[in-house]
Every structure is written in structure tokens, then in C-alpha cells.
Amino acid sequence: MRRRRWSVVAVMVMVAAGVVACGGDGDDEEPRRALDKTAPPGATVVSDDGVGFAVAVPSSWKQLPLELSAFDQEADALRASSDKVGTGLVQLKGAVRSGANMAAIDPATGATVNLIVLEAASDKFDRTVDQIVDQLRANGATDLRREEITVDGVPGARMQFRQRLPGETGAVEVDTTQVIVRRRDRDFILTVSGDTPDAATIAGSLELA
């Protein structure tokens, strides 16, 4: 896995270049767990044993390459077949450019999901979540709701909000669900954006090794 350091701006789906010093909870000593890759009905599991995650996305969604030139080829093909994907592809390209560990889009609606895994930036997870909330608000997120949750048995946080994202013809307002959890001294940031009834199901499917 490429060891990247957490940036506060990462929470806005597209990670900025700035980084902060790496801290950690000492979670590197946690034993790894086996990932359950059994796909729920109508879903496909995207996983990476090395990074240590599994996420279930609807089978109708298109998983996109994480290398930019291959991403661009797939994006061009999607644009040619659907007029719904423009904003989502702009969003996902930013995430892929910043090192996303997975990216997928719904060709029917343009809704997206991406996962970014970064070195934990703070020795206090709650402080990291506070920074995320502050940065979301500073970047214009509205209707922001935050709640404590459990992700695959690990304490985490979920934010739901509206944000303005760059589209092919200008900025658009997008509903977003974001889950962040710390495991083995890494922050896993899963973001689901767009018009989809599957947001909660996708966000709730994250498993950690």
C-alpha cells in the first residue's frame, strides 16, 4: 500500500496536495482480520487485501480504473453512453488523481462512491473528525449532520451534507454521505455522492481487515 498522509481537505472528496505530520493511535499492532467478500444480492464486492478493506456496491455500477490514462478512456466511453455521468466523473477523476483506493459510478444517475485510505494524522480520532467537520463547513457544506457509528465493529463517524462540486458545465449541489473510521493507524474515508437510494447501504457495507 502507498503510505500517504492525511490532509484535512481530503474530506471534500478530492484530496488536496497539502499534508500534515503523521501521528497515530498505535493501531499498527492490531491483528489483521479476514475480510468477508460475500456479495449481498444485487451487489459486487470491491476489495483490497493489502490495504485491508471491502465495500459492496450495486452490480449495475461501473468500477473505474485507478490509473489516470485508463480512467480517462473508461470515462470517455461512459460519457458516450450516458448524459448523467459528467459531474460524477469530474468528481471521481479528482479522487483518482489524489490516490483513491476505489472509485465507482452509477451510469444511470451519475452517483459515485470513492474510498481514500491515508495515514492517520492525529493521535485522537475525535480530533480528526472535528477537523473534517470544520473543513466541510469552511468549504461551504450545508445541512451537515454528524453522528457516531460503528464500522465493522470499530468506532467511526458519519457525516451527511450537501456540497457544491465542479461539473462539466459548472458547479452543482450534491447530497453526500461520508464515513470515516480509523483502523491499524490508517484513516479510511468512504464518500458516496449523488442521487441514489443506495447511499446508506454502500456506506454501511465497509469492512476492515
C-alpha atoms as a PDB file:
ATOM      1  CA  MET A   1       0.000   0.000   0.000  1.00  0.00           C
ATOM      2  CA  ARG A   2       1.232   3.508  -0.720  1.00  0.00           C
ATOM      3  CA  ARG A   3       1.565   5.206   2.662  1.00  0.00           C
ATOM      4  CA  ARG A   4       0.022   8.639   2.280  1.00  0.00           C
ATOM      5  CA  ARG A   5      -0.565  11.222   4.968  1.00  0.00           C
ATOM      6  CA  TRP A   6      -3.956  12.586   5.797  1.00  0.00           C
ATOM      7  CA  SER A   7      -4.951  16.032   4.533  1.00  0.00           C
ATOM      8  CA  VAL A   8      -7.908  17.861   6.039  1.00  0.00           C
ATOM      9  CA  VAL A   9      -9.062  18.736   2.538  1.00  0.00           C
ATOM     10  CA  ALA A  10      -9.348  15.022   1.780  1.00  0.00           C
ATOM     11  CA  VAL A  11     -12.824  15.087   3.240  1.00  0.00           C
ATOM     12  CA  MET A  12     -14.060  17.140   0.300  1.00  0.00           C
ATOM     13  CA  VAL A  13     -13.814  14.016  -1.886  1.00  0.00           C
ATOM     14  CA  MET A  14     -10.830  15.271  -3.863  1.00  0.00           C
ATOM     15  CA  VAL A  15      -7.697  15.278  -1.727  1.00  0.00           C
ATOM     16  CA  ALA A  16      -5.606  18.446  -1.773  1.00  0.00           C
ATOM     17  CA  ALA A  17      -1.849  18.295  -2.009  1.00  0.00           C
ATOM     18  CA  GLY A  18      -1.085  19.595   1.489  1.00  0.00           C
ATOM     19  CA  VAL A  19      -0.230  17.062   4.189  1.00  0.00           C
ATOM     20  CA  VAL A  20       0.224  17.141   7.939  1.00  0.00           C
ATOM     21  CA  ALA A  21       2.535  15.218  10.231  1.00  0.00           C
ATOM     22  CA  CYS A  22       1.647  11.615  10.853  1.00  0.00           C
ATOM     23  CA  GLY A  23       0.626  10.594  14.336  1.00  0.00           C
ATOM     24  CA  GLY A  24      -1.377   7.508  15.232  1.00  0.00           C
ATOM     25  CA  ASP A  25      -3.124   5.503  17.903  1.00  0.00           C
ATOM     26  CA  GLY A  26      -0.561   2.706  17.813  1.00  0.00           C
ATOM     27  CA  ASP A  27      -3.096   0.649  15.844  1.00  0.00           C
ATOM     28  CA  ASP A  28      -0.379  -0.956  13.689  1.00  0.00           C
ATOM     29  CA  GLU A  29      -0.177  -3.623  16.400  1.00  0.00           C
ATOM     30  CA  GLU A  30      -3.812  -4.655  15.870  1.00  0.00           C
ATOM     31  CA  PRO A  31      -4.082  -8.107  14.320  1.00  0.00           C
ATOM     32  CA  ARG A  32      -5.436  -8.214  10.783  1.00  0.00           C
ATOM     33  CA  ARG A  33      -8.857  -9.746  10.280  1.00  0.00           C
ATOM     34  CA  ALA A  34     -10.154 -11.797   7.377  1.00  0.00           C
ATOM     35  CA  LEU A  35     -12.422  -9.845   5.022  1.00  0.00           C
ATOM     36  CA  ASP A  36     -15.863 -11.227   4.271  1.00  0.00           C
ATOM     37  CA  LYS A  37     -16.146 -10.821   0.497  1.00  0.00           C
ATOM     38  CA  THR A  38     -19.555 -12.427   0.174  1.00  0.00           C
ATOM     39  CA  ALA A  39     -21.599 -10.136  -2.065  1.00  0.00           C
ATOM     40  CA  PRO A  40     -25.145  -9.263  -0.980  1.00  0.00           C
ATOM     41  CA  PRO A  41     -27.856  -9.881  -3.579  1.00  0.00           C
ATOM     42  CA  GLY A  42     -27.551  -7.379  -6.429  1.00  0.00           C
ATOM     43  CA  ALA A  43     -24.124  -6.168  -5.330  1.00  0.00           C
ATOM     44  CA  THR A  44     -20.457  -6.622  -6.205  1.00  0.00           C
ATOM     45  CA  VAL A  45     -17.721  -6.517  -3.582  1.00  0.00           C
ATOM     46  CA  VAL A  46     -14.676  -4.338  -4.279  1.00  0.00           C
ATOM     47  CA  SER A  47     -11.783  -5.301  -2.014  1.00  0.00           C
ATOM     48  CA  ASP A  48      -8.067  -4.930  -1.454  1.00  0.00           C
ATOM     49  CA  ASP A  49      -6.407  -7.361   0.944  1.00  0.00           C
ATOM     50  CA  GLY A  50      -3.209  -5.337   1.083  1.00  0.00           C
ATOM     51  CA  VAL A  51      -4.894  -2.100   2.094  1.00  0.00           C
ATOM     52  CA  GLY A  52      -7.426  -4.005   4.143  1.00  0.00           C
ATOM     53  CA  PHE A  53     -10.959  -3.139   3.028  1.00  0.00           C
ATOM     54  CA  ALA A  54     -14.037  -4.467   1.268  1.00  0.00           C
ATOM     55  CA  VAL A  55     -17.014  -2.421   0.021  1.00  0.00           C
ATOM     56  CA  ALA A  56     -20.225  -3.679  -1.614  1.00  0.00           C
ATOM     57  CA  VAL A  57     -21.586  -1.589  -4.495  1.00  0.00           C
ATOM     58  CA  PRO A  58     -24.631  -2.264  -6.697  1.00  0.00           C
ATOM     59  CA  SER A  59     -23.765  -4.586  -9.569  1.00  0.00           C
ATOM     60  CA  SER A  60     -25.123  -2.021 -12.043  1.00  0.00           C
ATOM     61  CA  TRP A  61     -22.444   0.480 -11.028  1.00  0.00           C
ATOM     62  CA  LYS A  62     -19.217   0.751 -13.009  1.00  0.00           C
ATOM     63  CA  GLN A  63     -15.919   0.351 -11.179  1.00  0.00           C
ATOM     64  CA  LEU A  64     -13.328   2.705 -12.666  1.00  0.00           C
ATOM     65  CA  PRO A  65      -9.559   2.252 -13.083  1.00  0.00           C
ATOM     66  CA  LEU A  66      -7.269   3.999 -10.613  1.00  0.00           C
ATOM     67  CA  GLU A  67      -4.651   4.897 -13.225  1.00  0.00           C
ATOM     68  CA  LEU A  68      -5.414   8.210 -14.917  1.00  0.00           C
ATOM     69  CA  SER A  69      -5.000   7.308 -18.568  1.00  0.00           C
ATOM     70  CA  ALA A  70      -7.121   4.171 -18.158  1.00  0.00           C
ATOM     71  CA  PHE A  71      -9.646   6.210 -16.164  1.00  0.00           C
ATOM     72  CA  ASP A  72      -9.923   8.745 -18.978  1.00  0.00           C
ATOM     73  CA  GLN A  73     -10.595   6.018 -21.539  1.00  0.00           C
ATOM     74  CA  GLU A  74     -13.370   4.498 -19.408  1.00  0.00           C
ATOM     75  CA  ALA A  75     -14.793   7.964 -18.675  1.00  0.00           C
ATOM     76  CA  ASP A  76     -14.994   8.814 -22.385  1.00  0.00           C
ATOM     77  CA  ALA A  77     -16.896   5.594 -23.044  1.00  0.00           C
ATOM     78  CA  LEU A  78     -19.316   6.328 -20.200  1.00  0.00           C
ATOM     79  CA  ARG A  79     -19.945   9.879 -21.427  1.00  0.00           C
ATOM     80  CA  ALA A  80     -20.774   8.500 -24.857  1.00  0.00           C
ATOM     81  CA  SER A  81     -23.412   6.178 -23.404  1.00  0.00           C
ATOM     82  CA  SER A  82     -24.950   8.313 -20.643  1.00  0.00           C
ATOM     83  CA  ASP A  83     -25.698  12.007 -20.174  1.00  0.00           C
ATOM     84  CA  LYS A  84     -25.903  11.590 -16.384  1.00  0.00           C
ATOM     85  CA  VAL A  85     -22.268  10.935 -15.543  1.00  0.00           C
ATOM     86  CA  GLY A  86     -20.483  14.223 -16.274  1.00  0.00           C
ATOM     87  CA  THR A  87     -20.388  15.689 -12.757  1.00  0.00           C
ATOM     88  CA  GLY A  88     -19.630  12.341 -11.142  1.00  0.00           C
ATOM     89  CA  LEU A  89     -16.703  11.684 -13.476  1.00  0.00           C
ATOM     90  CA  VAL A  90     -15.215  15.106 -12.736  1.00  0.00           C
ATOM     91  CA  GLN A  91     -15.503  14.320  -9.037  1.00  0.00           C
ATOM     92  CA  LEU A  92     -14.006  10.850  -9.328  1.00  0.00           C
ATOM     93  CA  LYS A  93     -11.120  11.982 -11.506  1.00  0.00           C
ATOM     94  CA  GLY A  94     -10.099  14.346  -8.726  1.00  0.00           C
ATOM     95  CA  ALA A  95     -10.243  11.500  -6.240  1.00  0.00           C
ATOM     96  CA  VAL A  96      -8.270   9.156  -8.522  1.00  0.00           C
ATOM     97  CA  ARG A  97      -5.672  11.847  -9.181  1.00  0.00           C
ATOM     98  CA  SER A  98      -5.260  12.122  -5.415  1.00  0.00           C
ATOM     99  CA  GLY A  99      -4.732   8.408  -4.902  1.00  0.00           C
ATOM    100  CA  ALA A 100      -8.168   6.893  -4.334  1.00  0.00           C
ATOM    101  CA  ASN A 101      -8.193   3.208  -3.455  1.00  0.00           C
ATOM    102  CA  MET A 102     -11.507   2.562  -5.215  1.00  0.00           C
ATOM    103  CA  ALA A 103     -13.923   4.532  -7.382  1.00  0.00           C
ATOM    104  CA  ALA A 104     -17.246   3.624  -8.968  1.00  0.00           C
ATOM    105  CA  ILE A 105     -20.162   5.383 -10.640  1.00  0.00           C
ATOM    106  CA  ASP A 106     -23.799   4.624 -11.405  1.00  0.00           C
ATOM    107  CA  PRO A 107     -24.219   5.151 -15.174  1.00  0.00           C
ATOM    108  CA  ALA A 108     -27.962   5.634 -14.722  1.00  0.00           C
ATOM    109  CA  THR A 109     -27.815   8.505 -12.202  1.00  0.00           C
ATOM    110  CA  GLY A 110     -24.193   9.702 -12.004  1.00  0.00           C
ATOM    111  CA  ALA A 111     -23.992   8.871  -8.280  1.00  0.00           C
ATOM    112  CA  THR A 112     -20.490   7.950  -7.125  1.00  0.00           C
ATOM    113  CA  VAL A 113     -18.530   6.221  -4.402  1.00  0.00           C
ATOM    114  CA  ASN A 114     -14.844   6.509  -3.633  1.00  0.00           C
ATOM    115  CA  LEU A 115     -12.584   5.334  -0.846  1.00  0.00           C
ATOM    116  CA  ILE A 116      -9.373   7.026   0.177  1.00  0.00           C
ATOM    117  CA  VAL A 117      -7.047   5.480   2.777  1.00  0.00           C
ATOM    118  CA  LEU A 118      -4.485   7.711   4.434  1.00  0.00           C
ATOM    119  CA  GLU A 119      -2.042   7.578   7.298  1.00  0.00           C
ATOM    120  CA  ALA A 120      -3.749   8.810  10.448  1.00  0.00           C
ATOM    121  CA  ALA A 121      -2.836  12.437  11.062  1.00  0.00           C
ATOM    122  CA  SER A 122      -3.690  12.787  14.738  1.00  0.00           C
ATOM    123  CA  ASP A 123      -3.352  10.643  17.822  1.00  0.00           C
ATOM    124  CA  LYS A 124      -7.007  11.412  18.639  1.00  0.00           C
ATOM    125  CA  PHE A 125      -9.642  10.174  16.209  1.00  0.00           C
ATOM    126  CA  ASP A 126     -12.274  12.565  17.559  1.00  0.00           C
ATOM    127  CA  ARG A 127      -9.960  15.481  16.813  1.00  0.00           C
ATOM    128  CA  THR A 128      -9.583  14.282  13.234  1.00  0.00           C
ATOM    129  CA  VAL A 129     -13.369  14.166  12.851  1.00  0.00           C
ATOM    130  CA  ASP A 130     -13.631  17.672  14.340  1.00  0.00           C
ATOM    131  CA  GLN A 131     -11.172  18.896  11.697  1.00  0.00           C
ATOM    132  CA  ILE A 132     -13.183  17.225   8.962  1.00  0.00           C
ATOM    133  CA  VAL A 133     -16.402  18.887  10.096  1.00  0.00           C
ATOM    134  CA  ASP A 134     -14.699  22.288  10.357  1.00  0.00           C
ATOM    135  CA  GLN A 135     -13.216  21.931   6.863  1.00  0.00           C
ATOM    136  CA  LEU A 136     -16.515  20.820   5.361  1.00  0.00           C
ATOM    137  CA  ARG A 137     -18.211  23.910   6.744  1.00  0.00           C
ATOM    138  CA  ALA A 138     -15.352  26.154   5.619  1.00  0.00           C
ATOM    139  CA  ASN A 139     -15.741  24.773   2.102  1.00  0.00           C
ATOM    140  CA  GLY A 140     -19.447  25.569   2.033  1.00  0.00           C
ATOM    141  CA  ALA A 141     -21.083  22.282   3.035  1.00  0.00           C
ATOM    142  CA  THR A 142     -24.669  22.818   4.203  1.00  0.00           C
ATOM    143  CA  ASP A 143     -27.247  20.776   6.131  1.00  0.00           C
ATOM    144  CA  LEU A 144     -24.364  18.986   7.830  1.00  0.00           C
ATOM    145  CA  ARG A 145     -25.261  16.234  10.290  1.00  0.00           C
ATOM    146  CA  ARG A 146     -22.691  14.243  12.239  1.00  0.00           C
ATOM    147  CA  GLU A 147     -23.187  11.073  14.221  1.00  0.00           C
ATOM    148  CA  GLU A 148     -21.070   8.462  15.922  1.00  0.00           C
ATOM    149  CA  ILE A 149     -21.381   4.995  14.397  1.00  0.00           C
ATOM    150  CA  THR A 150     -19.686   1.625  14.429  1.00  0.00           C
ATOM    151  CA  VAL A 151     -17.989   0.449  11.231  1.00  0.00           C
ATOM    152  CA  ASP A 152     -17.331  -3.291  11.190  1.00  0.00           C
ATOM    153  CA  GLY A 153     -17.000  -3.229  14.964  1.00  0.00           C
ATOM    154  CA  VAL A 154     -14.745  -0.154  15.018  1.00  0.00           C
ATOM    155  CA  PRO A 155     -15.895   3.266  16.331  1.00  0.00           C
ATOM    156  CA  GLY A 156     -16.309   5.732  13.483  1.00  0.00           C
ATOM    157  CA  ALA A 157     -18.250   8.773  12.343  1.00  0.00           C
ATOM    158  CA  ARG A 158     -20.763   9.515   9.607  1.00  0.00           C
ATOM    159  CA  MET A 159     -21.385  12.937   8.086  1.00  0.00           C
ATOM    160  CA  GLN A 160     -24.298  13.758   5.793  1.00  0.00           C
ATOM    161  CA  PHE A 161     -24.334  17.084   3.992  1.00  0.00           C
ATOM    162  CA  ARG A 162     -24.818  18.956   0.734  1.00  0.00           C
ATOM    163  CA  GLN A 163     -21.778  20.261  -1.113  1.00  0.00           C
ATOM    164  CA  ARG A 164     -21.009  22.106  -4.313  1.00  0.00           C
ATOM    165  CA  LEU A 165     -18.912  20.071  -6.705  1.00  0.00           C
ATOM    166  CA  PRO A 166     -17.398  21.106 -10.030  1.00  0.00           C
ATOM    167  CA  GLY A 167     -19.260  19.716 -13.016  1.00  0.00           C
ATOM    168  CA  GLU A 168     -18.623  19.813 -16.723  1.00  0.00           C
ATOM    169  CA  THR A 169     -20.913  22.825 -17.116  1.00  0.00           C
ATOM    170  CA  GLY A 170     -20.454  24.466 -13.706  1.00  0.00           C
ATOM    171  CA  ALA A 171     -20.830  23.752 -10.008  1.00  0.00           C
ATOM    172  CA  VAL A 172     -23.743  21.622  -8.802  1.00  0.00           C
ATOM    173  CA  GLU A 173     -25.243  20.857  -5.381  1.00  0.00           C
ATOM    174  CA  VAL A 174     -24.782  17.211  -4.405  1.00  0.00           C
ATOM    175  CA  ASP A 175     -26.054  15.185  -1.442  1.00  0.00           C
ATOM    176  CA  THR A 176     -23.162  13.378   0.207  1.00  0.00           C
ATOM    177  CA  THR A 177     -22.667  10.713   2.856  1.00  0.00           C
ATOM    178  CA  GLN A 178     -19.173  10.324   4.247  1.00  0.00           C
ATOM    179  CA  VAL A 179     -17.918   7.686   6.662  1.00  0.00           C
ATOM    180  CA  ILE A 180     -14.542   7.866   8.376  1.00  0.00           C
ATOM    181  CA  VAL A 181     -13.025   5.194  10.569  1.00  0.00           C
ATOM    182  CA  ARG A 182      -9.543   4.523  11.915  1.00  0.00           C
ATOM    183  CA  ARG A 183      -8.033   1.059  11.804  1.00  0.00           C
ATOM    184  CA  ARG A 184      -4.398  -0.004  12.112  1.00  0.00           C
ATOM    185  CA  ASP A 185      -3.184   3.612  12.178  1.00  0.00           C
ATOM    186  CA  ARG A 186      -4.961   4.478   8.916  1.00  0.00           C
ATOM    187  CA  ASP A 187      -7.985   6.653   8.237  1.00  0.00           C
ATOM    188  CA  PHE A 188     -10.495   5.121   5.816  1.00  0.00           C
ATOM    189  CA  ILE A 189     -12.670   7.821   4.196  1.00  0.00           C
ATOM    190  CA  LEU A 190     -15.616   6.465   2.211  1.00  0.00           C
ATOM    191  CA  THR A 191     -17.685   9.020   0.280  1.00  0.00           C
ATOM    192  CA  VAL A 192     -20.983   8.402  -1.505  1.00  0.00           C
ATOM    193  CA  SER A 193     -22.335  11.339  -3.517  1.00  0.00           C
ATOM    194  CA  GLY A 194     -25.308  11.958  -5.742  1.00  0.00           C
ATOM    195  CA  ASP A 195     -28.886  10.924  -6.247  1.00  0.00           C
ATOM    196  CA  THR A 196     -29.010   7.310  -5.095  1.00  0.00           C
ATOM    197  CA  PRO A 197     -31.206   5.361  -2.672  1.00  0.00           C
ATOM    198  CA  ASP A 198     -28.216   3.087  -2.053  1.00  0.00           C
ATOM    199  CA  ALA A 199     -26.056   5.635  -0.188  1.00  0.00           C
ATOM    200  CA  ALA A 200     -26.719   4.249   3.294  1.00  0.00           C
ATOM    201  CA  THR A 201     -26.310   0.637   2.132  1.00  0.00           C
ATOM    202  CA  ILE A 202     -22.990   1.318   0.408  1.00  0.00           C
ATOM    203  CA  ALA A 203     -21.671   3.366   3.329  1.00  0.00           C
ATOM    204  CA  GLY A 204     -22.719   0.647   5.753  1.00  0.00           C
ATOM    205  CA  SER A 205     -21.007  -2.128   3.807  1.00  0.00           C
ATOM    206  CA  LEU A 206     -17.405  -1.077   4.568  1.00  0.00           C
ATOM    207  CA  GLU A 207     -15.377  -3.884   6.116  1.00  0.00           C
ATOM    208  CA  LEU A 208     -11.871  -3.576   7.527  1.00  0.00           C
ATOM    209  CA  ALA A 209      -9.078  -6.143   7.828  1.00  0.00           C
END
